[in-house]
Amino acid sequence: MGRIAKRTNAGNVTSEARERYGDSQGKFPIFDQKSAMSAIKLRGHSDNPNGVLERASRWANANDNSAVKAMIERARE
């Protein structure tokens, strides 16, 4: 599989990125810091908010992103 575009020129997430990086329903894609922070902010709209935090946490740990880690920590308080 070739490289997919993750964002449109306008900055929106592409449908291919939603399928690949989203949850089982293609929602809350997490592939960079901006998408991780957006998913954390919007987790209340999910059927499984803790699942969104878990996916964001896995991404933050894999990419050693302290800003996302801190946001997750605040969200869990």
Protein backbone atom coordinates (compact mmCIF):
# COMPACT_ATOMS: atom_id res chain seq x y z
CA MET A 1 0.00 0.00 0.00
CA GLY A 2 1.34 3.40 -0.95
CA ARG A 3 1.49 6.47 1.18
CA ILE A 4 -1.90 8.03 1.87
CA ALA A 5 -2.70 11.69 2.33
CA LYS A 6 -3.68 12.25 5.95
CA ARG A 7 -5.03 15.78 5.55
CA THR A 8 -6.61 17.79 2.77
CA ASN A 9 -5.18 21.14 1.69
CA ALA A 10 -7.73 22.77 3.99
CA GLY A 11 -6.36 20.75 6.93
CA ASN A 12 -9.24 18.31 7.32
CA VAL A 13 -8.66 14.59 7.84
CA THR A 14 -9.10 12.54 4.65
CA SER A 15 -11.50 9.60 4.50
CA GLU A 16 -8.54 7.25 3.89
CA ALA A 17 -6.89 8.48 7.10
CA ARG A 18 -10.16 8.00 9.00
CA GLU A 19 -10.35 4.39 7.81
CA ARG A 20 -6.73 3.63 8.63
CA TYR A 21 -6.17 5.58 11.85
CA GLY A 22 -9.71 5.83 13.27
CA ASP A 23 -11.47 3.51 15.67
CA SER A 24 -13.59 0.60 14.46
CA GLN A 25 -16.17 3.05 13.11
CA GLY A 26 -13.56 5.29 11.46
CA LYS A 27 -14.02 8.00 14.08
CA PHE A 28 -11.36 9.82 16.12
CA PRO A 29 -8.35 9.17 13.85
CA ILE A 30 -5.02 9.60 15.64
CA PHE A 31 -1.88 9.96 13.55
CA ASP A 32 -0.20 13.20 14.70
CA GLN A 33 -0.24 15.61 17.65
CA LYS A 34 -3.07 17.72 16.25
CA SER A 35 -5.32 14.70 15.63
CA ALA A 36 -4.50 13.21 19.05
CA MET A 37 -5.40 16.45 20.84
CA SER A 38 -8.61 16.80 18.84
CA ALA A 39 -9.62 13.23 19.67
CA ILE A 40 -9.00 13.87 23.38
CA LYS A 41 -11.08 17.06 23.29
CA LEU A 42 -13.94 15.34 21.45
CA ARG A 43 -13.88 12.04 23.38
CA GLY A 44 -17.20 12.87 25.06
CA HIS A 45 -18.93 12.34 21.71
CA SER A 46 -17.66 8.76 21.57
CA ASP A 47 -19.47 5.63 22.72
CA ASN A 48 -16.19 4.70 24.44
CA PRO A 49 -14.36 7.81 25.75
CA ASN A 50 -11.82 5.70 27.66
CA GLY A 51 -10.97 3.87 24.44
CA VAL A 52 -10.16 7.18 22.76
CA LEU A 53 -7.86 8.08 25.66
CA GLU A 54 -6.18 4.66 25.45
CA ARG A 55 -5.54 5.02 21.71
CA ALA A 56 -4.19 8.55 22.23
CA SER A 57 -1.99 7.27 25.05
CA ARG A 58 -0.55 4.51 22.86
CA TRP A 59 0.21 7.05 20.13
CA ALA A 60 1.80 9.49 22.63
CA ASN A 61 4.00 6.76 24.13
CA ALA A 62 5.08 5.46 20.72
CA ASN A 63 5.98 8.98 19.58
CA ASP A 64 7.28 10.22 22.95
CA ASN A 65 4.95 13.22 22.84
CA SER A 66 4.88 14.92 26.24
CA ALA A 67 2.19 17.47 25.28
CA VAL A 68 -0.33 14.76 24.46
CA LYS A 69 0.69 12.74 27.52
CA ALA A 70 0.02 15.78 29.72
CA MET A 71 -3.35 16.38 28.08
CA ILE A 72 -4.35 12.75 28.67
CA GLU A 73 -3.30 13.00 32.30
CA ARG A 74 -5.47 16.12 32.77
CA ALA A 75 -8.39 14.41 31.00
CA ARG A 76 -8.24 11.43 33.36
CA GLU A 77 -8.45 13.59 36.50
